[in-house]
Amino acid sequence: MYLYQDALLFMAGSWTYPAIEMLWRGETHSSMALAGGMCLCLINHICCDLLKDKNIISRSLAGAGIITAVELVLGLLLNRLLGFDIWDYSTVPFNLFGQVCLPYSFLWVGLSLPAMALCEFCREPSLEDQTKQNLLKKSH
């Protein structure tokens, strides 16, 4: 079940994260698809599994931490190490190495709510069964 959910969530994150960035900044980079997929899968496993008994505020803060951590790791790798210069938050207050910043981390708290809702939706057993049935019908 997890492989199916992870694949579905990775694809959803790979589409939504760049789409959100296009709406916010007017541009994106292909690496944001990787970031989005990673974020949604991690939010699923951590916020919706490990922390499922915690309150929504704790889970949203954890989701923001996940998104910020993914952004930091990818930023250090892609921007600092490989020199892609995809984004630079060095002029934003409370930034860390110009790769993440506190104001955006606060935005990620709110973004975590629909992310967790999507993760919960993808957990519906009927969704997996319907998708498998549709794939079987198309292969015949």
Protein backbone atom coordinates (compact mmCIF):
# COMPACT_ATOMS: atom_id res chain seq x y z
CA MET A 1 0.00 0.00 0.00
CA TYR A 2 2.82 2.42 0.83
CA LEU A 3 4.49 2.06 -2.56
CA TYR A 4 1.24 2.95 -4.31
CA GLN A 5 0.62 5.90 -1.97
CA ASP A 6 4.19 7.12 -2.28
CA ALA A 7 4.07 6.97 -6.07
CA LEU A 8 0.75 8.80 -6.17
CA LEU A 9 1.85 11.43 -3.65
CA PHE A 10 5.23 11.90 -5.32
CA MET A 11 3.49 12.59 -8.63
CA ALA A 12 1.00 14.96 -6.97
CA GLY A 13 3.79 16.82 -5.18
CA SER A 14 5.86 16.95 -8.35
CA TRP A 15 3.04 18.80 -10.03
CA THR A 16 1.72 21.01 -7.23
CA TYR A 17 4.97 22.39 -5.80
CA PRO A 18 6.15 23.84 -9.14
CA ALA A 19 2.61 25.06 -9.86
CA ILE A 20 2.50 26.93 -6.54
CA GLU A 21 5.91 28.41 -7.26
CA MET A 22 4.75 29.52 -10.73
CA LEU A 23 1.77 31.27 -9.15
CA TRP A 24 3.92 32.88 -6.43
CA ARG A 25 7.13 33.81 -8.31
CA GLY A 26 6.15 33.50 -11.94
CA GLU A 27 8.92 30.96 -12.60
CA THR A 28 10.13 27.59 -11.40
CA HIS A 29 12.89 25.05 -11.96
CA SER A 30 12.58 21.35 -12.75
CA SER A 31 14.22 20.49 -9.42
CA MET A 32 11.11 21.82 -7.68
CA ALA A 33 9.26 18.76 -8.94
CA LEU A 34 11.72 16.63 -6.98
CA ALA A 35 11.29 18.87 -3.93
CA GLY A 36 7.51 18.67 -4.11
CA GLY A 37 7.45 14.91 -4.45
CA MET A 38 9.86 14.46 -1.57
CA CYS A 39 7.93 16.88 0.65
CA LEU A 40 4.56 15.25 0.10
CA CYS A 41 5.91 11.73 0.72
CA LEU A 42 7.68 12.84 3.89
CA ILE A 43 4.60 14.71 5.12
CA ASN A 44 2.58 11.56 4.53
CA HIS A 45 4.93 9.33 6.53
CA ILE A 46 5.72 11.78 9.32
CA CYS A 47 2.67 14.03 9.78
CA CYS A 48 -0.01 11.54 8.79
CA ASP A 49 1.60 8.36 10.19
CA LEU A 50 4.08 9.00 12.98
CA LEU A 51 2.30 12.09 14.32
CA LYS A 52 -1.28 11.05 13.54
CA ASP A 53 -2.26 11.25 17.23
CA LYS A 54 -0.90 14.79 17.64
CA ASN A 55 -2.98 17.93 17.20
CA ILE A 56 -3.20 19.68 13.84
CA ILE A 57 -0.96 22.55 14.95
CA SER A 58 1.87 20.18 15.88
CA ARG A 59 1.44 18.29 12.62
CA SER A 60 1.39 21.54 10.60
CA LEU A 61 4.57 22.74 12.31
CA ALA A 62 6.18 19.39 11.54
CA GLY A 63 5.07 19.74 7.90
CA ALA A 64 6.63 23.19 7.74
CA GLY A 65 9.82 21.76 9.19
CA ILE A 66 9.85 19.03 6.54
CA ILE A 67 9.37 21.49 3.67
CA THR A 68 12.01 23.83 5.11
CA ALA A 69 14.47 20.95 5.58
CA VAL A 70 13.96 19.69 2.02
CA GLU A 71 14.38 23.23 0.71
CA LEU A 72 17.58 23.67 2.75
CA VAL A 73 19.14 20.38 1.64
CA LEU A 74 18.27 20.93 -2.03
CA GLY A 75 19.33 24.57 -1.83
CA LEU A 76 22.72 23.72 -0.37
CA LEU A 77 23.22 21.00 -2.96
CA LEU A 78 21.84 22.70 -6.07
CA ASN A 79 22.54 26.37 -5.37
CA ARG A 80 25.64 26.40 -3.21
CA LEU A 81 27.48 23.23 -4.24
CA LEU A 82 26.49 22.95 -7.91
CA GLY A 83 26.02 26.68 -8.50
CA PHE A 84 22.61 26.54 -10.18
CA ASP A 85 21.42 29.72 -8.42
CA ILE A 86 17.78 28.67 -8.56
CA TRP A 87 16.73 30.79 -5.56
CA ASP A 88 18.36 33.14 -3.10
CA TYR A 89 16.72 34.32 0.12
CA SER A 90 19.79 36.20 1.33
CA THR A 91 17.88 39.50 1.29
CA VAL A 92 14.95 38.07 3.25
CA PRO A 93 15.12 38.52 7.04
CA PHE A 94 15.99 35.51 9.18
CA ASN A 95 17.48 33.46 6.34
CA LEU A 96 19.89 30.56 6.68
CA PHE A 97 22.65 30.57 4.04
CA GLY A 98 20.20 32.31 1.70
CA GLN A 99 18.47 28.97 1.11
CA VAL A 100 15.61 29.05 3.63
CA CYS A 101 14.02 31.82 5.65
CA LEU A 102 11.61 32.14 8.54
CA PRO A 103 8.87 34.07 6.66
CA TYR A 104 8.53 31.26 4.11
CA SER A 105 8.66 28.64 6.84
CA PHE A 106 5.57 30.31 8.32
CA LEU A 107 3.87 30.01 4.93
CA TRP A 108 4.73 26.30 4.90
CA VAL A 109 2.69 25.85 8.09
CA GLY A 110 -0.43 26.82 6.13
CA LEU A 111 0.61 24.83 3.08
CA SER A 112 0.98 21.74 5.24
CA LEU A 113 -2.78 21.65 5.89
CA PRO A 114 -3.87 20.89 2.30
CA ALA A 115 -0.81 18.64 1.91
CA MET A 116 -1.97 16.52 4.85
CA ALA A 117 -5.52 16.49 3.50
CA LEU A 118 -4.23 15.19 0.17
CA CYS A 119 -2.21 12.53 1.97
CA GLU A 120 -5.31 11.42 3.87
CA PHE A 121 -7.34 11.34 0.65
CA CYS A 122 -4.73 9.09 -0.97
CA ARG A 123 -5.04 6.68 1.96
CA GLU A 124 -8.61 5.81 1.06
CA PRO A 125 -8.61 2.08 0.21
CA SER A 126 -11.33 2.60 -2.38
CA LEU A 127 -9.07 5.01 -4.29
CA GLU A 128 -6.36 2.38 -4.67
CA ASP A 129 -8.87 -0.31 -5.64
CA GLN A 130 -10.52 1.93 -8.25
CA THR A 131 -7.17 2.89 -9.76
CA LYS A 132 -6.06 -0.75 -10.00
CA GLN A 133 -9.37 -1.73 -11.61
CA ASN A 134 -9.07 1.11 -14.15
CA LEU A 135 -5.51 0.09 -15.00
CA LEU A 136 -6.57 -3.53 -15.47
CA LYS A 137 -9.44 -2.47 -17.75
CA LYS A 138 -7.09 -0.38 -19.90
CA SER A 139 -4.56 -3.19 -20.25
CA HIS A 140 -7.12 -5.60 -21.75
